[in-house]
Amino acid sequence: MRQLFNTRKKTKILKHLNSTLPIFSFLVASLMLGTMDISAQCEPDTSPPPSSDISLVGDATPVISNCPGDITIFSESGECGATVVYGPVTASDNCDEVTLFSPTGVNIKGGYFEIGLTEVEYVAIDGNGLETSCSFTVEVINSEVATIVCPPSLTLDSDRKICGLEDVDLGIAIAQDLCQSYEVTNDAPEYYPLGTTIVTWTAFDSQGNEISCEQEVTILEGQCGEDECQSFGINTDDAWIQRVICRQLTDVTPDNNLISNTGNNGGYLQVGGMGMHVIPGSTNIIKVVPGFSSGSQLVYWRIWIDYNHDEEFSASEIIFQKTSSTQQNQTFTIPMDAELGAAEMRIAMSLDGYPEPCEIFQYGEVEDYKINIYDPINAFATATDSDESAIETEINIDAEEREVIQDFNVSLYPNPSHIETFLKIDSKGAIDLEMRIYDHLGRLVVDQQPITDVLTSIDVSTLTPGKYFLKLTGNQETIVKNFIVLSN
């Protein structure tokens, strides 16, 4: 029979047994007596390590396996997401059973993820409350092809004054795909010149993808050729004409101040009606006030009056030229040779330097007014039909009411007069009328005076020199007569 151990090996084993026998004997004795709980090895180890060469191992933190890194994938065809498979994610512990769960609600093998970025997290907890976690992201990129539909092309007539158009209603572009909504913008200008302008509509989704389409806007010449001296500011975001005040300094004609608080009108405004009435040789003062969106700026003013009615504004017709960042005043005198009638006054304010009368400039605004230049001695002989009509409207006189009523024949004399005028009425019957007198602006100056006699004296010495309208009413009929009051 062969010897199982040689002498040298046997000697080493015996020496090892001899060295460990005391500790082994202690362990066996402790177990027999019930003084040592072997389960203590899986409790959290918070006591100091024993002094012997053998130490007991405590409970360790759980370990999560198969947790992937960040994932990027395209959405599936016809779908608003994609199925992502990984793992399965598992967890283990050296002592206890482990609970593994996802606070983000994702299965341990993956699942269906919608378009966009999703954060995924898994947490493992053992029986002693020790835990660990892992996390990653899943990004699904939209692979669907989006569509955008532009509004139809437009063909429009030009504005007469500006030979183009502003504030065009373009309509709405629609962008969509199977899964996402889009933010739609365009590069539409504030001003559309004559010809065709291309407007590009662009749509963006939440992931930065974009699509675009184009819309044509064509502006026809229309009536712009009828006014060869158009002028306006393209942009009034920063500055505009806020207020205009014009009044007479010489007390020759009735008080008829021009006060206009128009504010921002987008670059141009034609102010309707007659702004004020002046006579040749009169001295007047005009005040202009700029408006600003945030903080004052230096602006350039020019004002013209078309004294000769040639529909042009020459250098000799400039009545105001200043730079300022606040309101400015300027006096001016109506030339003695100014043509009588309605004259156009153009007020231009620019941030780009002194504007020309027929210039389209980038920043600022233009306003056009009409003023009536008249000769009070000649009874407004040159007033236009539109001016007369405007005054009649103020006092509610129809054109047919200006005719002499069949049963009455009315006359005023002397006319003009500076102290007294007589109202004579030739009537086939009794006279029972009421008289009202209006000034040339349609303002009531004498109210509801009864007229019952054939001849009535009217005191005009207290009236300011100028043109007036005498209105007689009675028997559901109306008569209007004009008369002039001269200075003493």
Protein backbone atom coordinates (compact mmCIF):
# COMPACT_ATOMS: atom_id res chain seq x y z
CA MET A 1 0.00 0.00 0.00
CA ARG A 2 1.30 3.37 -1.07
CA GLN A 3 1.98 5.98 1.57
CA LEU A 4 -0.64 8.74 1.21
CA PHE A 5 1.44 11.62 2.61
CA ASN A 6 5.06 12.10 2.64
CA THR A 7 6.70 13.09 5.86
CA ARG A 8 7.28 16.76 4.93
CA LYS A 9 3.65 17.45 3.96
CA LYS A 10 2.33 15.68 7.05
CA THR A 11 4.53 17.81 9.23
CA LYS A 12 3.14 21.08 7.72
CA ILE A 13 -0.52 20.03 8.16
CA LEU A 14 0.05 19.07 11.76
CA LYS A 15 1.73 22.39 12.46
CA HIS A 16 -1.29 24.26 10.93
CA LEU A 17 -3.79 22.26 12.97
CA ASN A 18 -1.85 22.90 16.11
CA SER A 19 -1.86 26.68 15.46
CA THR A 20 -5.64 26.92 14.76
CA LEU A 21 -6.87 24.35 17.29
CA PRO A 22 -7.49 26.85 20.12
CA ILE A 23 -9.71 29.11 18.00
CA PHE A 24 -11.59 26.17 16.49
CA SER A 25 -12.19 24.68 19.93
CA PHE A 26 -13.56 28.07 21.10
CA LEU A 27 -16.02 28.28 18.23
CA VAL A 28 -17.33 24.76 18.76
CA ALA A 29 -17.73 25.34 22.47
CA SER A 30 -19.58 28.64 21.93
CA LEU A 31 -22.03 27.03 19.56
CA MET A 32 -22.70 24.16 21.92
CA LEU A 33 -23.36 26.56 24.78
CA GLY A 34 -25.52 28.94 22.61
CA THR A 35 -23.45 31.99 23.40
CA MET A 36 -22.76 32.98 19.76
CA ASP A 37 -25.34 33.84 17.03
CA ILE A 38 -23.87 33.00 13.66
CA SER A 39 -26.59 35.09 11.98
CA ALA A 40 -24.84 38.18 13.31
CA GLN A 41 -22.53 37.87 10.34
CA CYS A 42 -25.33 39.44 8.07
CA GLU A 43 -26.12 42.34 10.40
CA PRO A 44 -24.57 45.68 9.59
CA ASP A 45 -21.05 45.54 11.09
CA THR A 46 -20.76 48.55 13.41
CA SER A 47 -18.54 47.01 16.19
CA PRO A 48 -14.74 47.21 16.27
CA PRO A 49 -13.03 44.30 14.51
CA PRO A 50 -11.83 41.38 16.78
CA SER A 51 -8.20 41.17 17.68
CA SER A 52 -7.83 37.69 16.28
CA ASP A 53 -6.76 36.92 12.74
CA ILE A 54 -10.40 35.98 11.71
CA SER A 55 -12.96 38.88 11.18
CA LEU A 56 -16.72 38.50 10.58
CA VAL A 57 -18.11 40.05 7.34
CA GLY A 58 -21.13 42.55 7.71
CA ASP A 59 -24.06 43.26 5.29
CA ALA A 60 -22.89 44.99 2.05
CA THR A 61 -24.75 47.51 -0.20
CA PRO A 62 -26.80 45.82 -2.97
CA VAL A 63 -25.30 45.61 -6.44
CA ILE A 64 -27.27 46.51 -9.64
CA SER A 65 -26.24 44.74 -12.84
CA ASN A 66 -27.02 45.27 -16.54
CA CYS A 67 -27.87 48.99 -16.16
CA PRO A 68 -27.23 50.45 -19.64
CA GLY A 69 -25.76 53.81 -20.56
CA ASP A 70 -27.63 56.62 -22.34
CA ILE A 71 -29.61 55.43 -25.37
CA THR A 72 -30.53 57.37 -28.57
CA ILE A 73 -32.91 55.89 -31.13
CA PHE A 74 -35.21 57.06 -33.97
CA SER A 75 -38.98 56.67 -33.69
CA GLU A 76 -40.53 53.73 -35.49
CA SER A 77 -42.29 54.34 -38.82
CA GLY A 78 -45.82 55.58 -38.30
CA GLU A 79 -45.27 55.78 -34.57
CA CYS A 80 -44.68 58.59 -32.08
CA GLY A 81 -42.07 56.62 -30.19
CA ALA A 82 -39.97 53.44 -30.19
CA THR A 83 -39.61 50.19 -28.23
CA VAL A 84 -36.26 49.96 -26.43
CA VAL A 85 -35.06 46.61 -25.03
CA TYR A 86 -32.15 46.14 -22.64
CA GLY A 87 -31.12 44.12 -19.55
CA PRO A 88 -32.88 42.74 -17.78
CA VAL A 89 -31.62 44.96 -14.97
CA THR A 90 -30.94 42.83 -11.85
CA ALA A 91 -29.83 43.38 -8.25
CA SER A 92 -28.03 41.14 -5.68
CA ASP A 93 -26.90 41.28 -2.04
CA ASN A 94 -24.41 39.22 0.02
CA CYS A 95 -26.98 38.34 2.71
CA ASP A 96 -30.60 39.35 2.16
CA GLU A 97 -33.24 39.33 -0.52
CA VAL A 98 -33.24 42.58 -2.60
CA THR A 99 -36.17 44.68 -3.77
CA LEU A 100 -35.56 46.27 -7.20
CA PHE A 101 -37.94 48.95 -8.54
CA SER A 102 -38.02 51.97 -10.89
CA PRO A 103 -39.22 55.35 -9.53
CA THR A 104 -39.71 56.37 -13.17
CA GLY A 105 -42.03 53.45 -13.80
CA VAL A 106 -39.94 51.65 -16.43
CA ASN A 107 -39.80 47.85 -16.74
CA ILE A 108 -36.43 46.18 -16.00
CA LYS A 109 -36.31 44.99 -19.62
CA GLY A 110 -37.13 48.38 -21.18
CA GLY A 111 -40.36 49.32 -22.93
CA TYR A 112 -42.06 51.85 -25.23
CA PHE A 113 -40.65 55.39 -25.10
CA GLU A 114 -42.35 58.44 -26.67
CA ILE A 115 -40.51 61.00 -28.81
CA GLY A 116 -38.26 63.20 -26.70
CA LEU A 117 -35.89 62.64 -23.78
CA THR A 118 -36.89 60.28 -20.92
CA GLU A 119 -34.92 59.82 -17.69
CA VAL A 120 -34.85 56.25 -16.34
CA GLU A 121 -33.85 55.23 -12.80
CA TYR A 122 -33.67 51.88 -10.90
CA VAL A 123 -33.25 51.52 -7.12
CA ALA A 124 -32.29 48.37 -5.14
CA ILE A 125 -32.98 48.02 -1.34
CA ASP A 126 -32.01 45.07 0.88
CA GLY A 127 -33.65 43.87 4.11
CA ASN A 128 -31.52 46.14 6.26
CA GLY A 129 -32.49 49.30 4.29
CA LEU A 130 -29.23 49.62 2.41
CA GLU A 131 -29.83 50.85 -1.13
CA THR A 132 -28.14 51.73 -4.40
CA SER A 133 -29.37 53.11 -7.74
CA CYS A 134 -28.47 53.61 -11.39
CA SER A 135 -29.87 55.99 -14.01
CA PHE A 136 -29.62 56.77 -17.73
CA THR A 137 -31.62 58.57 -20.47
CA VAL A 138 -33.52 57.32 -23.51
CA GLU A 139 -33.88 59.86 -26.34
CA VAL A 140 -36.28 59.04 -29.18
CA ILE A 141 -35.80 61.29 -32.24
CA ASN A 142 -38.81 62.03 -34.43
CA SER A 143 -38.39 60.31 -37.80
CA GLU A 144 -41.77 61.46 -39.15
CA VAL A 145 -41.70 63.89 -42.10
CA ALA A 146 -43.54 67.12 -41.21
CA THR A 147 -45.54 69.23 -43.68
CA ILE A 148 -46.14 73.00 -43.81
CA VAL A 149 -48.78 74.76 -45.89
CA CYS A 150 -48.35 78.49 -46.58
CA PRO A 151 -51.30 80.89 -46.98
CA PRO A 152 -52.24 81.58 -50.61
CA SER A 153 -50.37 84.22 -52.59
CA LEU A 154 -51.80 87.76 -52.49
CA THR A 155 -52.20 90.45 -55.16
CA LEU A 156 -53.20 93.86 -53.77
CA ASP A 157 -53.47 97.47 -54.94
CA SER A 158 -50.98 100.00 -53.64
CA ASP A 159 -51.87 102.71 -51.17
CA ARG A 160 -52.09 106.02 -53.02
CA LYS A 161 -49.84 107.91 -50.64
CA ILE A 162 -47.03 105.46 -49.97
CA CYS A 163 -46.88 103.53 -53.29
CA GLY A 164 -46.91 100.22 -51.45
CA LEU A 165 -48.77 98.72 -48.52
CA GLU A 166 -48.35 98.35 -44.77
CA ASP A 167 -49.97 95.96 -42.29
CA VAL A 168 -50.92 93.32 -44.87
CA ASP A 169 -53.02 90.45 -43.48
CA LEU A 170 -51.08 87.43 -44.75
CA GLY A 171 -53.22 84.67 -43.25
CA ILE A 172 -51.82 81.71 -41.27
CA ALA A 173 -49.38 78.94 -42.21
CA ILE A 174 -50.15 75.45 -40.84
CA ALA A 175 -47.36 73.00 -39.91
CA GLN A 176 -47.93 69.50 -38.55
CA ASP A 177 -46.84 65.87 -38.49
CA LEU A 178 -48.20 62.71 -36.89
CA CYS A 179 -46.73 63.38 -33.47
CA GLN A 180 -45.72 67.00 -32.72
CA SER A 181 -46.93 70.57 -32.90
CA TYR A 182 -44.83 73.37 -34.35
CA GLU A 183 -44.13 77.02 -33.63
CA VAL A 184 -44.58 78.98 -36.86
CA THR A 185 -42.92 82.34 -37.67
CA ASN A 186 -42.36 84.44 -40.80
CA ASP A 187 -40.03 87.16 -42.05
CA ALA A 188 -42.77 89.50 -43.29
CA PRO A 189 -41.64 93.15 -43.69
CA GLU A 190 -43.50 96.13 -42.26
CA TYR A 191 -43.72 97.75 -45.71
CA TYR A 192 -44.41 96.03 -49.06
CA PRO A 193 -43.10 98.02 -52.07
CA LEU A 194 -44.50 97.77 -55.59
CA GLY A 195 -43.81 94.37 -57.15
CA THR A 196 -43.54 90.93 -55.56
CA THR A 197 -42.21 90.27 -52.06
CA ILE A 198 -41.41 86.72 -50.92
CA VAL A 199 -42.48 85.92 -47.36
CA THR A 200 -40.84 82.81 -45.86
CA TRP A 201 -42.77 80.89 -43.22
CA THR A 202 -40.70 78.61 -40.94
CA ALA A 203 -41.89 76.01 -38.40
CA PHE A 204 -39.82 74.63 -35.50
CA ASP A 205 -40.55 71.58 -33.34
CA SER A 206 -39.40 71.00 -29.76
CA GLN A 207 -36.24 69.19 -30.94
CA GLY A 208 -35.06 72.03 -33.18
CA ASN A 209 -36.18 70.50 -36.49
CA GLU A 210 -37.50 73.04 -38.99
CA ILE A 211 -39.43 73.17 -42.26
CA SER A 212 -40.40 76.17 -44.39
CA CYS A 213 -42.54 77.36 -47.30
CA GLU A 214 -42.87 80.62 -49.27
CA GLN A 215 -45.76 83.00 -49.94
CA GLU A 216 -45.80 85.67 -52.67
CA VAL A 217 -47.26 89.14 -51.99
CA THR A 218 -47.62 91.27 -55.12
CA ILE A 219 -48.43 95.00 -54.84
CA LEU A 220 -49.87 96.60 -57.96
CA GLU A 221 -49.30 100.26 -58.82
CA GLY A 222 -52.95 101.12 -58.26
CA GLN A 223 -53.39 104.84 -57.61
CA CYS A 224 -49.91 105.56 -56.34
CA GLY A 225 -49.04 107.44 -59.53
CA GLU A 226 -51.68 110.03 -58.67
CA ASP A 227 -49.51 111.34 -55.84
CA GLU A 228 -45.90 111.63 -56.90
CA CYS A 229 -44.79 113.17 -53.61
CA GLN A 230 -45.43 110.39 -51.13
CA SER A 231 -43.49 110.43 -47.88
CA PHE A 232 -43.62 108.27 -44.78
CA GLY A 233 -41.51 106.52 -42.14
CA ILE A 234 -41.17 102.75 -42.43
CA ASN A 235 -40.60 102.08 -38.72
CA THR A 236 -42.16 103.91 -35.76
CA ASP A 237 -41.20 101.47 -33.01
CA ASP A 238 -38.82 104.00 -31.41
CA ALA A 239 -40.16 107.46 -32.31
CA TRP A 240 -43.23 109.13 -33.84
CA ILE A 241 -45.13 112.46 -34.00
CA GLN A 242 -47.06 112.66 -30.75
CA ARG A 243 -48.69 116.10 -30.87
CA VAL A 244 -49.06 119.18 -33.11
CA ILE A 245 -50.42 122.57 -32.01
CA CYS A 246 -50.76 125.59 -34.32
CA ARG A 247 -52.38 128.92 -33.48
CA GLN A 248 -52.47 132.53 -34.61
CA LEU A 249 -50.60 135.29 -32.82
CA THR A 250 -52.28 138.19 -34.63
CA ASP A 251 -55.89 138.73 -33.53
CA VAL A 252 -57.30 139.31 -37.02
CA THR A 253 -59.41 136.21 -37.64
CA PRO A 254 -61.56 134.08 -35.34
CA ASP A 255 -59.75 131.89 -32.84
CA ASN A 256 -59.33 128.52 -34.56
CA ASN A 257 -56.37 126.69 -33.06
CA LEU A 258 -55.14 123.45 -34.59
CA ILE A 259 -54.64 120.87 -31.82
CA SER A 260 -53.81 117.32 -32.92
CA ASN A 261 -52.93 114.48 -30.49
CA THR A 262 -52.54 111.70 -33.01
CA GLY A 263 -49.85 109.53 -31.37
CA ASN A 264 -48.17 106.66 -33.24
CA ASN A 265 -49.83 106.05 -36.62
CA GLY A 266 -47.31 103.61 -38.09
CA GLY A 267 -45.42 106.08 -40.28
CA TYR A 268 -48.04 108.25 -42.00
CA LEU A 269 -51.32 110.04 -41.27
CA GLN A 270 -53.55 112.21 -43.47
CA VAL A 271 -55.45 114.39 -41.01
CA GLY A 272 -58.95 115.04 -42.31
CA GLY A 273 -60.81 118.34 -42.39
CA MET A 274 -59.50 121.88 -42.38
CA GLY A 275 -56.86 122.31 -39.69
CA MET A 276 -57.14 126.09 -39.30
CA HIS A 277 -57.93 129.33 -41.19
CA VAL A 278 -55.32 132.04 -41.70
CA ILE A 279 -54.97 135.20 -43.78
CA PRO A 280 -51.96 136.49 -45.73
CA GLY A 281 -49.60 138.46 -43.54
CA SER A 282 -50.74 136.81 -40.30
CA THR A 283 -48.16 135.54 -37.80
CA ASN A 284 -48.67 132.08 -36.37
CA ILE A 285 -46.84 129.72 -34.02
CA ILE A 286 -46.52 125.96 -34.36
CA LYS A 287 -45.41 123.49 -31.67
CA VAL A 288 -44.41 119.87 -32.35
CA VAL A 289 -43.95 117.13 -29.73
CA PRO A 290 -42.14 113.83 -30.45
CA GLY A 291 -43.16 110.53 -28.90
CA PHE A 292 -40.69 107.84 -27.80
CA SER A 293 -41.11 104.20 -26.77
CA SER A 294 -38.19 104.25 -24.29
CA GLY A 295 -36.02 107.27 -23.64
CA SER A 296 -35.75 110.41 -25.75
CA GLN A 297 -33.67 110.55 -28.93
CA LEU A 298 -32.46 113.28 -31.28
CA VAL A 299 -35.02 113.80 -34.06
CA TYR A 300 -34.98 116.00 -37.18
CA TRP A 301 -38.03 118.13 -38.04
CA ARG A 302 -39.10 119.83 -41.26
CA ILE A 303 -42.47 121.45 -42.00
CA TRP A 304 -43.65 122.80 -45.36
CA ILE A 305 -46.80 124.68 -46.50
CA ASP A 306 -47.62 124.47 -50.21
CA TYR A 307 -48.35 128.19 -50.55
CA ASN A 308 -48.67 128.16 -54.39
CA HIS A 309 -50.77 124.94 -54.55
CA ASP A 310 -48.46 123.29 -57.10
CA GLU A 311 -48.47 120.00 -55.12
CA GLU A 312 -44.75 120.36 -54.48
CA PHE A 313 -42.89 121.44 -51.35
CA SER A 314 -40.00 123.74 -52.24
CA ALA A 315 -37.19 125.03 -50.02
CA SER A 316 -38.88 128.46 -49.92
CA GLU A 317 -41.98 126.85 -48.40
CA ILE A 318 -40.18 125.45 -45.32
CA ILE A 319 -41.65 127.09 -42.20
CA PHE A 320 -39.87 124.95 -39.58
CA GLN A 321 -36.52 123.13 -39.47
CA LYS A 322 -35.01 122.02 -36.15
CA THR A 323 -33.38 119.12 -34.31
CA SER A 324 -34.48 118.25 -30.79
CA SER A 325 -35.24 115.49 -28.35
CA THR A 326 -38.15 117.43 -26.78
CA GLN A 327 -40.97 119.67 -27.98
CA GLN A 328 -40.07 122.69 -30.17
CA ASN A 329 -41.82 125.96 -31.11
CA GLN A 330 -41.47 128.13 -34.22
CA THR A 331 -43.29 131.24 -35.47
CA PHE A 332 -44.05 131.72 -39.17
CA THR A 333 -45.80 134.35 -41.30
CA ILE A 334 -48.17 133.62 -44.18
CA PRO A 335 -46.74 135.36 -47.29
CA MET A 336 -48.85 138.17 -48.71
CA ASP A 337 -48.73 136.54 -52.14
CA ALA A 338 -49.82 133.11 -50.88
CA GLU A 339 -52.52 131.61 -53.07
CA LEU A 340 -55.92 131.68 -51.40
CA GLY A 341 -57.73 128.44 -50.60
CA ALA A 342 -56.80 125.12 -49.06
CA ALA A 343 -53.02 124.57 -48.80
CA GLU A 344 -51.32 121.35 -47.72
CA MET A 345 -49.02 121.43 -44.69
CA ARG A 346 -46.59 118.50 -44.37
CA ILE A 347 -44.89 117.73 -41.05
CA ALA A 348 -42.01 115.22 -41.26
CA MET A 349 -39.95 113.87 -38.35
CA SER A 350 -37.02 111.49 -38.90
CA LEU A 351 -34.27 109.84 -36.86
CA ASP A 352 -32.08 109.58 -39.97
CA GLY A 353 -31.43 113.29 -40.61
CA TYR A 354 -33.48 116.13 -42.10
CA PRO A 355 -36.18 114.52 -44.27
CA GLU A 356 -36.94 115.58 -47.82
CA PRO A 357 -40.56 116.41 -48.66
CA CYS A 358 -41.07 113.36 -50.92
CA GLU A 359 -38.82 110.88 -49.08
CA ILE A 360 -39.55 107.42 -47.71
CA PHE A 361 -37.21 107.10 -44.74
CA GLN A 362 -36.48 104.27 -42.31
CA TYR A 363 -37.33 105.67 -38.86
CA GLY A 364 -39.91 108.37 -38.12
CA GLU A 365 -43.31 109.63 -39.24
CA VAL A 366 -45.11 112.07 -41.57
CA GLU A 367 -48.43 113.87 -41.05
CA ASP A 368 -50.32 115.95 -43.66
CA TYR A 369 -52.78 118.73 -42.76
CA LYS A 370 -54.81 121.31 -44.68
CA ILE A 371 -55.00 124.98 -43.76
CA ASN A 372 -57.29 127.53 -45.41
CA ILE A 373 -55.68 130.78 -46.54
CA TYR A 374 -58.45 133.33 -47.08
CA ASP A 375 -59.11 137.03 -47.66
CA PRO A 376 -61.81 138.22 -45.21
CA ILE A 377 -62.62 141.29 -47.33
CA ASN A 378 -63.60 139.14 -50.33
CA ALA A 379 -65.87 136.92 -48.25
CA PHE A 380 -64.03 133.68 -48.66
CA ALA A 381 -64.57 133.85 -52.41
CA THR A 382 -61.84 131.29 -53.00
CA ALA A 383 -63.05 128.71 -50.49
CA THR A 384 -63.51 125.34 -52.16
CA ASP A 385 -66.82 123.50 -52.40
CA SER A 386 -65.52 120.88 -49.98
CA ASP A 387 -64.76 123.60 -47.43
CA GLU A 388 -68.28 125.02 -47.72
CA SER A 389 -69.73 121.53 -47.43
CA ALA A 390 -67.74 120.86 -44.26
CA ILE A 391 -69.10 124.03 -42.65
CA GLU A 392 -72.66 123.19 -43.70
CA THR A 393 -72.29 119.76 -42.14
CA GLU A 394 -71.30 121.34 -38.83
CA ILE A 395 -74.58 123.31 -38.72
CA ASN A 396 -76.68 120.50 -40.26
CA ILE A 397 -77.67 122.34 -43.45
CA ASP A 398 -78.63 120.29 -46.51
CA ALA A 399 -77.69 121.65 -49.91
CA GLU A 400 -81.33 121.96 -50.94
CA GLU A 401 -82.01 124.10 -47.86
CA ARG A 402 -79.78 126.86 -49.26
CA GLU A 403 -82.42 127.67 -51.87
CA VAL A 404 -84.86 130.51 -51.18
CA ILE A 405 -88.17 129.26 -49.84
CA GLN A 406 -91.07 129.93 -52.19
CA ASP A 407 -93.00 132.02 -49.66
CA PHE A 408 -89.99 134.13 -48.55
CA ASN A 409 -87.40 136.37 -50.17
CA VAL A 410 -84.54 137.16 -47.76
CA SER A 411 -81.73 139.71 -48.13
CA LEU A 412 -78.97 141.18 -45.94
CA TYR A 413 -77.54 144.70 -46.36
CA PRO A 414 -75.05 146.21 -46.13
CA ASN A 415 -72.92 143.14 -46.67
CA PRO A 416 -70.02 143.29 -45.72
CA SER A 417 -70.55 145.45 -42.65
CA HIS A 418 -68.59 146.32 -39.52
CA ILE A 419 -71.31 147.75 -37.19
CA GLU A 420 -74.82 146.80 -38.30
CA THR A 421 -76.54 144.82 -41.02
CA PHE A 422 -80.26 144.59 -41.83
CA LEU A 423 -82.26 141.46 -42.42
CA LYS A 424 -85.14 142.13 -44.85
CA ILE A 425 -87.85 139.53 -45.40
CA ASP A 426 -90.45 139.80 -48.17
CA SER A 427 -93.24 137.46 -47.18
CA LYS A 428 -96.68 136.55 -48.53
CA GLY A 429 -97.85 135.78 -45.02
CA ALA A 430 -97.05 136.21 -41.34
CA ILE A 431 -93.38 136.06 -40.30
CA ASP A 432 -92.55 133.71 -37.45
CA LEU A 433 -88.94 132.58 -37.74
CA GLU A 434 -85.95 131.83 -35.53
CA MET A 435 -82.47 133.11 -36.37
CA ARG A 436 -79.11 131.54 -35.49
CA ILE A 437 -75.68 132.78 -36.55
CA TYR A 438 -72.62 130.52 -37.00
CA ASP A 439 -68.99 131.47 -37.65
CA HIS A 440 -66.96 130.06 -40.54
CA LEU A 441 -65.99 127.00 -38.44
CA GLY A 442 -69.63 126.12 -37.82
CA ARG A 443 -69.64 127.33 -34.21
CA LEU A 444 -72.86 128.86 -32.89
CA VAL A 445 -72.34 132.54 -31.93
CA VAL A 446 -75.97 133.81 -31.77
CA ASP A 447 -78.61 131.37 -30.58
CA GLN A 448 -82.37 131.27 -31.24
CA GLN A 449 -83.33 134.90 -31.72
CA PRO A 450 -87.00 135.33 -32.86
CA ILE A 451 -87.67 137.16 -36.13
CA THR A 452 -91.23 138.48 -36.62
CA ASP A 453 -90.75 141.75 -38.54
CA VAL A 454 -90.13 142.49 -42.18
CA LEU A 455 -86.96 144.43 -41.30
CA THR A 456 -84.62 143.46 -38.44
CA SER A 457 -81.40 145.21 -37.38
CA ILE A 458 -78.53 142.89 -36.44
CA ASP A 459 -75.63 144.25 -34.35
CA VAL A 460 -72.35 142.79 -35.66
CA SER A 461 -69.99 145.19 -33.87
CA THR A 462 -69.20 142.56 -31.21
CA LEU A 463 -68.35 139.85 -33.75
CA THR A 464 -64.76 139.15 -34.72
CA PRO A 465 -64.06 140.06 -38.37
CA GLY A 466 -64.64 137.13 -40.72
CA LYS A 467 -67.31 135.15 -42.54
CA TYR A 468 -70.61 134.10 -40.92
CA PHE A 469 -73.72 132.09 -41.76
CA LEU A 470 -77.22 133.32 -40.84
CA LYS A 471 -79.74 130.48 -40.58
CA LEU A 472 -83.51 131.11 -40.50
CA THR A 473 -85.92 128.31 -39.60
CA GLY A 474 -89.70 128.18 -39.43
CA ASN A 475 -92.71 126.36 -40.86
CA GLN A 476 -90.42 123.31 -41.29
CA GLU A 477 -88.31 125.30 -43.76
CA THR A 478 -84.74 126.66 -43.63
CA ILE A 479 -82.95 129.58 -45.28
CA VAL A 480 -79.18 130.23 -45.06
CA LYS A 481 -77.48 133.52 -45.95
CA ASN A 482 -73.76 134.41 -45.82
CA PHE A 483 -72.41 137.73 -44.59
CA ILE A 484 -69.04 139.30 -43.78
CA VAL A 485 -68.00 141.28 -40.72
CA LEU A 486 -65.21 143.79 -41.32
CA SER A 487 -62.81 145.24 -38.80
CA ASN A 488 -63.56 148.77 -37.55
